[in-house]
Amino acid sequence: MTTTQEASGTIWAVFGHRLAIEGDGGRILADLGPTGAEGIAIAVGDTVSLKGERKPSEIKVTSLTLGDGVTREIAWPKKPHGDDEADEAKAVAAVKAEGYAIEGEPARKPKHFEIVGAKEGARHELHVAFDGTIRKAKPLTA
């Protein structure tokens, strides 16, 4: 679940594409992203309002309004291996296509599935990318 947060205040520090503001909610660190900060002139002492996704240590800004009222929308790039790309059925099909008999349920990891499979009398822990590519077949003992 995504938590959206809005904040406004005065910039008290700028660190590359991050800025720190102080307002009614206290001090907040905001990330504009490497490309989101392009073409935006911000400086310590400026007043801003922002909206974005709340993370544990900062807000990933999706909308920034400068003191002059100009609003800039900031689009974040999609992560290459997000949950919507994780296709368990594709991973299982790839393992079966290689001749493995699957044991148990696939385990979802951040960047791959781990599937235990047996082939030609040997058991392996298979690491299968979200696109169905088998990246590693680690032999299991016992």
Foldseek 3Di string as FASTA:
>chain_A
DWDKDKDKAFWADDDQQWTWGQDPVGIAIEGCDNVSCPPDDDDGGWIKMFMATDDPRHGDTQWIATPVGDIDGGDDDDDPQDPVLQDLVLQVVLCVVVPWDWDDGWDDDSFFTWTWTDDPRWIWTWTAGSNNRTDDTHTDDD
